Amino acid sequence: MKTQYYTASSLDGFIATEDDSLEWLFPLADLNDSSYPSFIAEVGALAMGSATYEWIVRNADKVATETGSPWPYTQPVWVFTSRVLPVVEGSDIRFVQGDVRDIHNEIRVAAGGKNIWIVGGGDLAGQFHDAGLLDELIIQIGSVTLGRGKQVFPRRVLSPTLRLVSVRQMGVGMVELRYEVGK
């Protein structure tokens, strides 16, 4: 079982625009031509930032076009937020706040031996890293630049360094880098 941060980034290191848009990503690749199908098959539970959750809710039609469903996850999802957010009908969503250490074990148990996916929110992934709970980063880098926006991983990681374990080209617009997090 691993806690993994699986995300896409622009070439200049942003996962979303300043207004949390992911529109830049859709023209670059097809989910079915990526590692996503095999990745998601090994995921038992998700931890998600509130901005990502709100984007999915606001863009349910676009999400359905890309994934086949306005709420694309069958696994339980913990949404880290300090606000009251709308609930997506028919989903297993738990709204939580506070230190990721206090909630990680609950997520781990619910994952049932499968992996935990940190979905969106470079800062949320950084909090798992800071707590020593992040095992792997899987970052798909697109051939676009955004100039500014939400950073892919707003942390300084100098020692131990991340260990590159694989590189995979995805069409002509993306590459996937997979890193193990040193402990």
C-alpha atoms as a PDB file:
ATOM      1  CA  MET A   1       0.000   0.000   0.000  1.00  0.00           C
ATOM      2  CA  LYS A   2       1.305   3.434  -0.977  1.00  0.00           C
ATOM      3  CA  THR A   3       0.178   7.021  -0.507  1.00  0.00           C
ATOM      4  CA  GLN A   4       0.609   8.532  -3.967  1.00  0.00           C
ATOM      5  CA  TYR A   5       0.319  12.012  -5.426  1.00  0.00           C
ATOM      6  CA  TYR A   6      -0.813  11.459  -9.029  1.00  0.00           C
ATOM      7  CA  THR A   7      -1.283  14.680 -10.963  1.00  0.00           C
ATOM      8  CA  ALA A   8      -0.663  16.593 -14.155  1.00  0.00           C
ATOM      9  CA  SER A   9       1.466  19.704 -14.411  1.00  0.00           C
ATOM     10  CA  SER A  10       2.292  22.307 -16.999  1.00  0.00           C
ATOM     11  CA  LEU A  11       5.909  22.417 -18.166  1.00  0.00           C
ATOM     12  CA  ASP A  12       6.483  25.391 -15.862  1.00  0.00           C
ATOM     13  CA  GLY A  13       5.189  23.584 -12.762  1.00  0.00           C
ATOM     14  CA  PHE A  14       1.503  24.456 -12.318  1.00  0.00           C
ATOM     15  CA  ILE A  15      -1.413  22.051 -11.833  1.00  0.00           C
ATOM     16  CA  ALA A  16      -4.106  24.692 -12.316  1.00  0.00           C
ATOM     17  CA  THR A  17      -4.496  28.298 -13.317  1.00  0.00           C
ATOM     18  CA  GLU A  18      -4.868  31.011 -10.696  1.00  0.00           C
ATOM     19  CA  ASP A  19      -8.649  30.520 -10.776  1.00  0.00           C
ATOM     20  CA  ASP A  20      -8.284  26.720 -10.327  1.00  0.00           C
ATOM     21  CA  SER A  21      -9.062  25.863 -13.962  1.00  0.00           C
ATOM     22  CA  LEU A  22      -7.858  22.589 -15.478  1.00  0.00           C
ATOM     23  CA  GLU A  23      -8.984  23.453 -19.020  1.00  0.00           C
ATOM     24  CA  TRP A  24      -5.373  23.477 -20.247  1.00  0.00           C
ATOM     25  CA  LEU A  25      -5.079  19.750 -19.573  1.00  0.00           C
ATOM     26  CA  PHE A  26      -7.883  18.211 -21.642  1.00  0.00           C
ATOM     27  CA  PRO A  27      -6.458  18.782 -25.164  1.00  0.00           C
ATOM     28  CA  LEU A  28      -3.115  17.202 -24.237  1.00  0.00           C
ATOM     29  CA  ALA A  29      -3.969  13.553 -23.665  1.00  0.00           C
ATOM     30  CA  ASP A  30      -6.647  10.900 -23.523  1.00  0.00           C
ATOM     31  CA  LEU A  31      -7.078   9.279 -20.091  1.00  0.00           C
ATOM     32  CA  ASN A  32      -7.323   5.866 -21.739  1.00  0.00           C
ATOM     33  CA  ASP A  33      -3.888   6.329 -23.358  1.00  0.00           C
ATOM     34  CA  SER A  34      -2.285   7.112 -20.007  1.00  0.00           C
ATOM     35  CA  SER A  35      -1.394   5.153 -16.896  1.00  0.00           C
ATOM     36  CA  TYR A  36      -4.676   6.253 -15.308  1.00  0.00           C
ATOM     37  CA  PRO A  37      -6.701   3.036 -15.908  1.00  0.00           C
ATOM     38  CA  SER A  38      -4.064   0.834 -14.237  1.00  0.00           C
ATOM     39  CA  PHE A  39      -3.358   3.463 -11.567  1.00  0.00           C
ATOM     40  CA  ILE A  40      -6.997   3.895 -10.483  1.00  0.00           C
ATOM     41  CA  ALA A  41      -7.510   0.106 -10.372  1.00  0.00           C
ATOM     42  CA  GLU A  42      -5.017   0.006  -7.475  1.00  0.00           C
ATOM     43  CA  VAL A  43      -6.585   2.933  -5.534  1.00  0.00           C
ATOM     44  CA  GLY A  44      -8.723   2.127  -2.493  1.00  0.00           C
ATOM     45  CA  ALA A  45      -9.333   5.643  -1.142  1.00  0.00           C
ATOM     46  CA  LEU A  46      -8.687   9.275  -2.076  1.00  0.00           C
ATOM     47  CA  ALA A  47      -7.688  12.449  -0.240  1.00  0.00           C
ATOM     48  CA  MET A  48      -8.696  15.605  -2.110  1.00  0.00           C
ATOM     49  CA  GLY A  49      -8.227  19.327  -1.672  1.00  0.00           C
ATOM     50  CA  SER A  50     -11.318  21.510  -1.578  1.00  0.00           C
ATOM     51  CA  ALA A  51     -10.392  23.519  -4.705  1.00  0.00           C
ATOM     52  CA  THR A  52     -10.174  20.287  -6.734  1.00  0.00           C
ATOM     53  CA  TYR A  53     -13.479  19.085  -5.308  1.00  0.00           C
ATOM     54  CA  GLU A  54     -15.182  22.373  -6.124  1.00  0.00           C
ATOM     55  CA  TRP A  55     -13.783  22.290  -9.671  1.00  0.00           C
ATOM     56  CA  ILE A  56     -15.181  18.779 -10.218  1.00  0.00           C
ATOM     57  CA  VAL A  57     -18.603  19.852  -8.904  1.00  0.00           C
ATOM     58  CA  ARG A  58     -18.633  23.048 -11.035  1.00  0.00           C
ATOM     59  CA  ASN A  59     -17.512  21.196 -14.146  1.00  0.00           C
ATOM     60  CA  ALA A  60     -19.549  17.999 -13.835  1.00  0.00           C
ATOM     61  CA  ASP A  61     -20.407  18.029 -17.553  1.00  0.00           C
ATOM     62  CA  LYS A  62     -16.744  18.253 -18.606  1.00  0.00           C
ATOM     63  CA  VAL A  63     -15.768  15.595 -16.082  1.00  0.00           C
ATOM     64  CA  ALA A  64     -18.511  13.306 -17.429  1.00  0.00           C
ATOM     65  CA  THR A  65     -17.239  13.815 -21.000  1.00  0.00           C
ATOM     66  CA  GLU A  66     -13.687  12.863 -19.957  1.00  0.00           C
ATOM     67  CA  THR A  67     -14.483  10.058 -17.505  1.00  0.00           C
ATOM     68  CA  GLY A  68     -18.035   8.913 -18.231  1.00  0.00           C
ATOM     69  CA  SER A  69     -19.512  10.185 -14.968  1.00  0.00           C
ATOM     70  CA  PRO A  70     -19.994  13.589 -13.296  1.00  0.00           C
ATOM     71  CA  TRP A  71     -18.465  12.048 -10.125  1.00  0.00           C
ATOM     72  CA  PRO A  72     -15.741   9.750 -11.427  1.00  0.00           C
ATOM     73  CA  TYR A  73     -14.780   7.894  -8.227  1.00  0.00           C
ATOM     74  CA  THR A  74     -16.287   4.780  -6.694  1.00  0.00           C
ATOM     75  CA  GLN A  75     -13.796   4.787  -3.822  1.00  0.00           C
ATOM     76  CA  PRO A  76     -14.377   6.749  -0.593  1.00  0.00           C
ATOM     77  CA  VAL A  77     -13.041  10.321  -0.778  1.00  0.00           C
ATOM     78  CA  TRP A  78     -11.861  12.538   2.090  1.00  0.00           C
ATOM     79  CA  VAL A  79     -12.151  16.203   1.095  1.00  0.00           C
ATOM     80  CA  PHE A  80      -9.957  18.487   3.213  1.00  0.00           C
ATOM     81  CA  THR A  81     -11.823  21.754   3.716  1.00  0.00           C
ATOM     82  CA  SER A  82     -12.685  24.320   6.338  1.00  0.00           C
ATOM     83  CA  ARG A  83     -15.896  25.298   4.523  1.00  0.00           C
ATOM     84  CA  VAL A  84     -19.302  23.733   4.034  1.00  0.00           C
ATOM     85  CA  LEU A  85     -19.434  22.294   0.511  1.00  0.00           C
ATOM     86  CA  PRO A  86     -22.247  20.685  -1.484  1.00  0.00           C
ATOM     87  CA  VAL A  87     -22.434  16.903  -1.437  1.00  0.00           C
ATOM     88  CA  VAL A  88     -22.427  14.980  -4.710  1.00  0.00           C
ATOM     89  CA  GLU A  89     -25.386  12.605  -4.649  1.00  0.00           C
ATOM     90  CA  GLY A  90     -24.484   8.922  -4.772  1.00  0.00           C
ATOM     91  CA  SER A  91     -20.862   9.454  -3.729  1.00  0.00           C
ATOM     92  CA  ASP A  92     -18.915   8.346  -0.658  1.00  0.00           C
ATOM     93  CA  ILE A  93     -17.472  11.713   0.416  1.00  0.00           C
ATOM     94  CA  ARG A  94     -16.270  12.675   3.884  1.00  0.00           C
ATOM     95  CA  PHE A  95     -15.494  16.327   4.589  1.00  0.00           C
ATOM     96  CA  VAL A  96     -12.604  16.707   7.041  1.00  0.00           C
ATOM     97  CA  GLN A  97     -10.267  19.358   8.356  1.00  0.00           C
ATOM     98  CA  GLY A  98      -7.095  19.443  10.362  1.00  0.00           C
ATOM     99  CA  ASP A  99      -3.765  17.679  10.314  1.00  0.00           C
ATOM    100  CA  VAL A 100      -3.409  14.951   7.664  1.00  0.00           C
ATOM    101  CA  ARG A 101      -1.714  12.729  10.287  1.00  0.00           C
ATOM    102  CA  ASP A 102      -4.964  12.588  12.252  1.00  0.00           C
ATOM    103  CA  ILE A 103      -6.942  11.367   9.238  1.00  0.00           C
ATOM    104  CA  HIS A 104      -4.409   9.239   7.333  1.00  0.00           C
ATOM    105  CA  ASN A 105      -5.019   6.068   9.347  1.00  0.00           C
ATOM    106  CA  GLU A 106      -8.781   6.288   8.742  1.00  0.00           C
ATOM    107  CA  ILE A 107      -8.115   6.648   4.995  1.00  0.00           C
ATOM    108  CA  ARG A 108      -5.595   3.779   5.087  1.00  0.00           C
ATOM    109  CA  VAL A 109      -8.079   1.443   6.774  1.00  0.00           C
ATOM    110  CA  ALA A 110     -10.801   2.341   4.247  1.00  0.00           C
ATOM    111  CA  ALA A 111      -8.355   1.692   1.362  1.00  0.00           C
ATOM    112  CA  GLY A 112      -8.300  -1.966   2.392  1.00  0.00           C
ATOM    113  CA  GLY A 113      -4.688  -2.630   1.412  1.00  0.00           C
ATOM    114  CA  LYS A 114      -4.930  -0.661  -1.831  1.00  0.00           C
ATOM    115  CA  ASN A 115      -3.204   2.657  -2.480  1.00  0.00           C
ATOM    116  CA  ILE A 116      -4.264   6.120  -1.304  1.00  0.00           C
ATOM    117  CA  TRP A 117      -4.411   8.793  -3.998  1.00  0.00           C
ATOM    118  CA  ILE A 118      -3.767  12.422  -3.087  1.00  0.00           C
ATOM    119  CA  VAL A 119      -5.935  14.119  -5.737  1.00  0.00           C
ATOM    120  CA  GLY A 120      -5.229  17.678  -6.679  1.00  0.00           C
ATOM    121  CA  GLY A 121      -3.887  20.181  -4.308  1.00  0.00           C
ATOM    122  CA  GLY A 122      -0.124  20.473  -4.403  1.00  0.00           C
ATOM    123  CA  ASP A 123      -0.309  21.922  -0.922  1.00  0.00           C
ATOM    124  CA  LEU A 124      -2.319  18.936   0.346  1.00  0.00           C
ATOM    125  CA  ALA A 125       0.271  16.574  -1.150  1.00  0.00           C
ATOM    126  CA  GLY A 126       2.919  18.722   0.536  1.00  0.00           C
ATOM    127  CA  GLN A 127       1.194  18.292   3.890  1.00  0.00           C
ATOM    128  CA  PHE A 128       1.316  14.504   3.469  1.00  0.00           C
ATOM    129  CA  HIS A 129       5.004  14.833   2.550  1.00  0.00           C
ATOM    130  CA  ASP A 130       5.740  17.025   5.567  1.00  0.00           C
ATOM    131  CA  ALA A 131       4.107  14.412   7.806  1.00  0.00           C
ATOM    132  CA  GLY A 132       6.259  11.633   6.306  1.00  0.00           C
ATOM    133  CA  LEU A 133       3.191   9.935   4.805  1.00  0.00           C
ATOM    134  CA  LEU A 134       3.817  10.412   1.066  1.00  0.00           C
ATOM    135  CA  ASP A 135       5.464   7.472  -0.731  1.00  0.00           C
ATOM    136  CA  GLU A 136       5.348   8.370  -4.403  1.00  0.00           C
ATOM    137  CA  LEU A 137       4.839  11.260  -6.833  1.00  0.00           C
ATOM    138  CA  ILE A 138       3.500  10.487 -10.302  1.00  0.00           C
ATOM    139  CA  ILE A 139       3.530  13.673 -12.342  1.00  0.00           C
ATOM    140  CA  GLN A 140       2.416  13.915 -15.934  1.00  0.00           C
ATOM    141  CA  ILE A 141       3.984  16.993 -17.482  1.00  0.00           C
ATOM    142  CA  GLY A 142       2.166  18.612 -20.385  1.00  0.00           C
ATOM    143  CA  SER A 143       3.693  20.570 -23.241  1.00  0.00           C
ATOM    144  CA  VAL A 144       2.105  23.887 -22.205  1.00  0.00           C
ATOM    145  CA  THR A 145       3.158  26.731 -19.947  1.00  0.00           C
ATOM    146  CA  LEU A 146       0.740  28.674 -17.762  1.00  0.00           C
ATOM    147  CA  GLY A 147       3.040  31.415 -16.476  1.00  0.00           C
ATOM    148  CA  ARG A 148       1.452  31.291 -13.039  1.00  0.00           C
ATOM    149  CA  GLY A 149      -1.144  29.366 -11.098  1.00  0.00           C
ATOM    150  CA  LYS A 150      -1.260  26.630  -8.461  1.00  0.00           C
ATOM    151  CA  GLN A 151       2.124  24.987  -7.993  1.00  0.00           C
ATOM    152  CA  VAL A 152       2.461  21.269  -8.555  1.00  0.00           C
ATOM    153  CA  PHE A 153       4.324  20.685  -5.264  1.00  0.00           C
ATOM    154  CA  PRO A 154       4.965  23.829  -3.222  1.00  0.00           C
ATOM    155  CA  ARG A 155       7.661  22.328  -1.023  1.00  0.00           C
ATOM    156  CA  ARG A 156      11.431  22.389  -0.939  1.00  0.00           C
ATOM    157  CA  VAL A 157      12.698  18.796  -1.085  1.00  0.00           C
ATOM    158  CA  LEU A 158      16.487  18.708  -0.882  1.00  0.00           C
ATOM    159  CA  SER A 159      17.398  15.788   1.346  1.00  0.00           C
ATOM    160  CA  PRO A 160      16.644  13.051   0.937  1.00  0.00           C
ATOM    161  CA  THR A 161      15.954  13.764  -2.696  1.00  0.00           C
ATOM    162  CA  LEU A 162      13.162  12.277  -4.732  1.00  0.00           C
ATOM    163  CA  ARG A 163      14.285   9.165  -6.631  1.00  0.00           C
ATOM    164  CA  LEU A 164      13.229   8.972 -10.291  1.00  0.00           C
ATOM    165  CA  VAL A 165      12.043   5.413 -10.977  1.00  0.00           C
ATOM    166  CA  SER A 166      10.428   5.713 -14.419  1.00  0.00           C
ATOM    167  CA  VAL A 167       9.776   7.984 -17.384  1.00  0.00           C
ATOM    168  CA  ARG A 168       7.006   7.336 -19.910  1.00  0.00           C
ATOM    169  CA  GLN A 169       6.102   9.348 -22.988  1.00  0.00           C
ATOM    170  CA  MET A 170       2.352   9.748 -23.563  1.00  0.00           C
ATOM    171  CA  GLY A 171       1.689  10.794 -27.151  1.00  0.00           C
ATOM    172  CA  VAL A 172       3.313  14.003 -28.362  1.00  0.00           C
ATOM    173  CA  GLY A 173       2.005  16.227 -25.557  1.00  0.00           C
ATOM    174  CA  MET A 174       2.890  14.617 -22.235  1.00  0.00           C
ATOM    175  CA  VAL A 175       5.480  12.678 -20.298  1.00  0.00           C
ATOM    176  CA  GLU A 176       4.980  10.859 -16.999  1.00  0.00           C
ATOM    177  CA  LEU A 177       7.638  10.991 -14.295  1.00  0.00           C
ATOM    178  CA  ARG A 178       7.416   8.625 -11.338  1.00  0.00           C
ATOM    179  CA  TYR A 179       9.391   9.377  -8.160  1.00  0.00           C
ATOM    180  CA  GLU A 180       9.819   7.531  -4.882  1.00  0.00           C
ATOM    181  CA  VAL A 181       9.917   9.758  -1.825  1.00  0.00           C
ATOM    182  CA  GLY A 182      12.988   9.222   0.335  1.00  0.00           C
ATOM    183  CA  LYS A 183      12.374   8.549   4.008  1.00  0.00           C
END
